[in-house]
Protein backbone atom coordinates (compact mmCIF):
# COMPACT_ATOMS: atom_id res chain seq x y z
CA MET A 1 -21.19 5.46 4.87
CA GLU A 2 -20.18 3.55 1.69
CA HIS A 3 -16.71 2.36 2.38
CA LYS A 4 -14.04 2.67 -0.33
CA ILE A 5 -12.82 -0.80 0.32
CA GLU A 6 -14.51 -3.33 2.11
CA ILE A 7 -13.49 -7.22 2.69
CA ARG A 8 -16.16 -9.60 4.20
CA ASP A 9 -14.97 -12.89 5.57
CA LEU A 10 -12.32 -13.81 3.33
CA HIS A 11 -10.75 -17.08 3.38
CA TYR A 12 -7.88 -18.25 1.44
CA ARG A 13 -5.95 -21.48 1.68
CA VAL A 14 -3.02 -23.45 -0.21
CA PRO A 15 -2.80 -27.23 0.08
CA THR A 16 -0.54 -27.00 2.99
CA ARG A 17 -2.32 -24.41 5.07
CA GLU A 18 -5.01 -21.64 5.42
CA ILE A 19 -3.46 -18.24 5.21
CA LEU A 20 -6.53 -16.08 5.58
CA ARG A 21 -9.49 -16.93 7.96
CA GLU A 22 -12.47 -15.10 8.10
CA VAL A 23 -10.79 -11.73 7.45
CA SER A 24 -13.01 -8.53 7.35
CA LEU A 25 -12.20 -4.97 7.09
CA GLN A 26 -13.09 -1.55 5.82
CA VAL A 27 -11.39 1.59 4.55
CA ASP A 28 -13.27 4.67 4.13
CA LYS A 29 -12.80 7.78 1.87
CA GLN A 30 -9.25 9.56 2.43
CA GLN A 31 -8.62 7.25 5.32
CA PHE A 32 -4.73 6.14 5.87
CA VAL A 33 -5.07 2.60 7.19
CA GLY A 34 -2.15 0.29 8.19
CA LEU A 35 -2.08 -3.38 8.08
CA ILE A 36 0.42 -4.91 10.56
CA GLY A 37 1.50 -8.25 11.64
CA PRO A 38 4.55 -10.55 11.84
CA ASN A 39 5.96 -12.28 8.93
CA GLY A 40 3.66 -15.18 7.57
CA SER A 41 0.54 -13.62 8.98
CA GLY A 42 -1.18 -13.14 5.56
CA LYS A 43 -0.85 -9.31 5.09
CA THR A 44 0.38 -9.58 1.25
CA THR A 45 -1.94 -12.20 0.56
CA LEU A 46 -4.67 -10.02 1.64
CA LEU A 47 -3.64 -7.20 -0.48
CA LYS A 48 -3.27 -9.54 -3.42
CA HIS A 49 -7.09 -10.12 -3.29
CA ILE A 50 -7.78 -6.47 -3.50
CA TYR A 51 -5.70 -5.84 -6.71
CA ARG A 52 -6.57 -9.12 -8.21
CA ALA A 53 -3.48 -10.80 -8.19
CA LEU A 54 -5.26 -13.63 -6.72
CA PRO A 55 -9.06 -14.03 -7.37
CA PRO A 56 -11.07 -13.50 -4.31
CA GLU A 57 -14.37 -15.53 -3.77
CA LYS A 58 -17.35 -13.86 -4.85
CA ASN A 59 -19.04 -11.25 -2.52
CA THR A 60 -15.96 -11.20 -0.38
CA VAL A 61 -13.88 -7.88 -1.74
CA PHE A 62 -16.06 -4.43 -2.53
CA ILE A 63 -14.57 -1.60 -4.03
CA ASN A 64 -16.80 1.61 -3.74
CA GLY A 65 -19.58 -0.43 -2.59
CA ARG A 66 -19.33 -2.94 -5.76
CA GLU A 67 -18.21 -6.49 -5.69
CA ILE A 68 -14.85 -6.79 -7.30
CA GLU A 69 -15.65 -9.51 -9.62
CA SER A 70 -18.16 -7.37 -11.33
CA PHE A 71 -15.25 -5.09 -12.58
CA SER A 72 -13.24 -5.63 -15.64
CA TYR A 73 -9.33 -5.77 -14.72
CA ARG A 74 -9.26 -2.49 -16.78
CA GLU A 75 -11.93 -0.98 -14.62
CA THR A 76 -10.11 -2.35 -11.30
CA ALA A 77 -6.94 -0.58 -12.56
CA ARG A 78 -8.90 2.72 -12.71
CA GLN A 79 -10.04 2.30 -9.32
CA VAL A 80 -7.03 0.77 -7.44
CA THR A 81 -3.29 1.48 -8.06
CA VAL A 82 -0.85 -0.72 -6.29
CA MET A 83 2.79 -0.04 -5.18
CA ARG A 84 4.98 -2.96 -4.18
CA GLN A 85 8.53 -3.23 -2.76
CA GLU A 86 11.00 -1.44 -4.76
CA ASN A 87 12.18 -3.85 -7.62
CA GLY A 88 13.93 -3.33 -10.94
CA SER A 89 12.82 -3.97 -14.63
CA ASP A 90 13.89 -6.54 -17.21
CA PHE A 91 13.78 -3.71 -19.65
CA ASP A 92 15.64 -0.24 -19.60
CA TYR A 93 12.65 2.03 -19.68
CA THR A 94 13.07 5.86 -19.18
CA ILE A 95 11.44 7.52 -16.20
CA LEU A 96 8.83 8.94 -18.59
CA GLU A 97 8.07 5.60 -20.07
CA MET A 98 7.74 4.01 -16.62
CA VAL A 99 5.19 6.74 -15.43
CA LEU A 100 3.29 6.26 -18.66
CA MET A 101 2.47 2.81 -17.78
CA GLY A 102 0.05 4.36 -15.44
CA ARG A 103 -1.99 5.35 -18.31
CA ALA A 104 -2.42 1.77 -19.75
CA PRO A 105 -5.96 1.32 -18.17
CA TYR A 106 -7.10 4.28 -20.45
CA ARG A 107 -5.87 2.69 -23.60
CA LYS A 108 -6.78 0.19 -25.82
CA PHE A 109 -3.99 -2.69 -26.52
CA TYR A 110 -1.21 -1.46 -28.80
CA GLU A 111 -2.75 2.08 -28.68
CA ARG A 112 -0.19 4.85 -28.62
CA ASP A 113 0.33 7.43 -25.72
CA THR A 114 -1.55 10.37 -26.57
CA ALA A 115 -0.80 14.08 -25.92
CA GLU A 116 -3.18 14.10 -22.84
CA ASP A 117 -1.35 10.90 -21.55
CA LYS A 118 2.05 12.60 -21.96
CA GLN A 119 0.91 15.67 -20.16
CA ILE A 120 -0.65 13.73 -17.17
CA ALA A 121 2.62 11.79 -16.83
CA TYR A 122 4.66 15.22 -16.77
CA ASN A 123 2.50 16.63 -14.23
CA ALA A 124 3.04 13.63 -12.04
CA LEU A 125 6.77 13.86 -12.48
CA ARG A 126 6.60 17.58 -11.75
CA PHE A 127 4.60 16.86 -8.63
CA MET A 128 7.47 14.56 -7.52
CA GLY A 129 10.29 17.04 -8.59
CA MET A 130 11.45 14.59 -11.13
CA GLU A 131 10.34 16.34 -14.47
CA ASP A 132 13.98 17.58 -15.46
CA ILE A 133 15.06 13.96 -15.48
CA ALA A 134 12.17 12.40 -17.38
CA ASN A 135 14.55 10.94 -20.24
CA GLN A 136 16.81 9.28 -17.70
CA HIS A 137 16.86 5.70 -17.44
CA PHE A 138 14.97 4.17 -14.58
CA SER A 139 17.79 1.41 -13.85
CA THR A 140 20.12 4.27 -13.02
CA LEU A 141 18.02 5.77 -10.02
CA SER A 142 18.66 4.85 -6.33
CA GLY A 143 15.96 2.76 -4.46
CA GLY A 144 14.33 6.04 -3.05
CA GLU A 145 14.43 7.60 -6.42
CA LYS A 146 12.64 4.57 -8.10
CA GLN A 147 9.84 4.64 -5.62
CA ARG A 148 9.15 8.44 -6.22
CA VAL A 149 8.92 7.34 -10.07
CA LEU A 150 6.29 4.54 -8.84
CA ILE A 151 4.31 7.09 -6.95
CA ALA A 152 4.24 9.27 -10.11
CA ARG A 153 3.02 6.21 -11.96
CA SER A 154 0.56 5.73 -9.47
CA LEU A 155 -0.60 9.56 -9.74
CA ALA A 156 -0.82 9.07 -13.65
CA GLN A 157 -3.13 6.21 -13.20
CA GLU A 158 -5.43 8.63 -11.53
CA ALA A 159 -7.13 5.98 -9.19
CA ASP A 160 -8.65 7.25 -5.64
CA ILE A 161 -7.33 4.13 -3.87
CA LEU A 162 -3.71 3.52 -3.23
CA VAL A 163 -2.72 -0.21 -2.18
CA LEU A 164 0.77 -0.44 -0.76
CA ASP A 165 2.80 -3.66 0.15
CA GLU A 166 5.68 -2.34 2.34
CA PRO A 167 6.94 0.40 -0.22
CA THR A 168 9.52 1.65 2.08
CA ASN A 169 11.14 -1.61 3.27
CA HIS A 170 14.41 -1.30 1.42
CA LEU A 171 14.86 2.37 1.78
CA ASP A 172 16.95 4.45 4.28
CA VAL A 173 15.31 6.28 7.06
CA HIS A 174 15.24 9.57 4.85
CA TYR A 175 13.47 8.18 1.93
CA GLN A 176 11.13 6.04 4.23
CA TRP A 177 9.72 9.28 5.67
CA LEU A 178 9.79 11.26 2.58
CA LEU A 179 7.71 8.88 0.63
CA MET A 180 5.21 8.43 3.37
CA GLU A 181 5.01 11.98 3.79
CA VAL A 182 4.10 12.36 -0.02
CA ILE A 183 1.37 9.72 0.17
CA ALA A 184 -0.09 10.97 3.06
CA GLY A 185 -0.09 14.58 1.39
CA LEU A 186 -2.07 13.11 -1.60
CA LYS A 187 -5.37 13.00 0.23
CA LYS A 188 -6.16 9.43 -1.22
CA THR A 189 -7.60 6.46 0.27
CA VAL A 190 -4.70 4.39 1.16
CA LEU A 191 -4.24 0.75 2.63
CA SER A 192 -0.74 -0.10 3.41
CA VAL A 193 1.24 -3.12 4.78
CA PHE A 194 3.82 -1.79 7.17
CA HIS A 195 6.90 -3.47 8.53
CA GLU A 196 8.24 -0.58 10.43
CA LEU A 197 5.62 -0.19 13.19
CA ASN A 198 6.74 3.51 14.09
CA LEU A 199 6.12 4.63 10.56
CA ALA A 200 2.54 3.00 10.86
CA CYS A 201 2.00 4.85 14.15
CA ALA A 202 3.01 8.20 12.42
CA PHE A 203 0.94 8.13 9.41
CA CYS A 204 -2.17 5.83 9.95
CA ASP A 205 -5.41 6.69 10.96
CA TYR A 206 -6.46 3.27 11.77
CA LEU A 207 -4.65 -0.07 12.13
CA PHE A 208 -5.54 -3.82 11.48
CA VAL A 209 -3.36 -6.16 13.26
CA LEU A 210 -3.07 -9.79 11.29
CA LYS A 211 -1.92 -12.90 13.26
CA ASP A 212 -2.05 -16.40 12.28
CA GLY A 213 -4.36 -15.35 9.11
CA ARG A 214 -6.88 -13.61 11.27
CA ILE A 215 -7.64 -9.93 12.41
CA ALA A 216 -6.27 -10.09 15.94
CA ALA A 217 -7.04 -6.43 16.91
CA GLN A 218 -7.91 -3.05 15.17
CA GLY A 219 -8.20 0.39 16.41
CA THR A 220 -6.20 3.95 16.17
CA PRO A 221 -2.49 3.68 16.60
CA ARG A 222 -2.76 4.84 20.15
CA GLU A 223 -5.43 2.08 21.08
CA ILE A 224 -3.21 -0.66 19.27
CA CYS A 225 0.18 0.00 19.95
CA THR A 226 0.65 -1.19 23.60
CA PRO A 227 3.26 -3.27 25.19
CA GLN A 228 0.88 -6.01 25.69
CA MET A 229 0.21 -6.27 22.01
CA LEU A 230 3.76 -6.20 21.00
CA GLU A 231 4.29 -9.08 23.36
CA GLU A 232 1.56 -11.20 21.94
CA VAL A 233 1.76 -10.24 18.35
CA PHE A 234 5.34 -9.58 17.75
CA ARG A 235 6.96 -11.11 20.54
CA VAL A 236 9.12 -8.26 21.47
CA ARG A 237 9.46 -6.44 24.83
CA ALA A 238 8.87 -2.56 24.29
CA ASP A 239 8.01 0.54 26.01
CA VAL A 240 5.49 2.66 24.19
CA LEU A 241 5.92 6.56 24.48
CA SER A 242 3.48 9.06 23.78
CA LEU A 243 4.37 12.06 21.45
CA GLU A 244 3.46 15.46 21.73
CA ASP A 245 0.70 15.09 19.22
CA GLY A 246 -0.54 11.89 21.16
CA ARG A 247 0.86 9.40 18.62
CA PRO A 248 2.37 6.33 20.18
CA TYR A 249 6.32 5.84 19.71
CA ILE A 250 7.91 2.31 20.38
CA VAL A 251 10.96 1.74 22.13
CA TYR A 252 12.31 -1.91 21.64
CA ARG A 253 13.99 -3.63 24.53
CA GLY A 254 14.58 -7.13 23.19
CA SER A 255 13.01 -10.12 21.81
CA ILE A 256 10.70 -12.77 23.90
CA GLN A 257 11.82 -16.51 23.32
């Protein structure tokens, strides 16, 4: 099977330390894959190589079976869309203008939005239940609402692959679950960094665990989320319950010094 995302033996270092060491992983079509690990383990750095915020070494990152360096940046944006943690904007764009940014890979520089672009943007907002406030300013929205707009922008981009860097990190519990339910319902290929492990267990088909820049473990949430792993990787004591659907649920007991 051709992987939608494949990373082969990726290394990355800065002058003071090595951040990624021999990292390899695969994500298949319509698979929801989570990347978990303690702070500083290299999760965000790994994602940056996929959406080219950091240039990967040749023959280490592949999208749809093709070396990512063979894509133009515009072509990459047609294949992969990225959602980061919620952030503001230096400019007071409307919601519609924010969503239309997702159409940039299909336009030439300074080319105006077409009627088709606007229809695609409105359709994305309608899917997110936000069409009626399309002309409201993005800066007036709550954190959860902003993330819904960014999902709409990703939909307007029409990429098959979603790369998510802790998009729920600053949201309350309601919006964390709402956004993950929406993203899972898109039936796209997803690779997401998770801070909240129970969210990862609830939505992911497969997990990769990063520790000290290496893949320390990989498998289904049921295989990965064990008291032993939580002790060794996250330095916490925890019980792991099994829910009715077989998914693990973590009950934290305390930290390990």
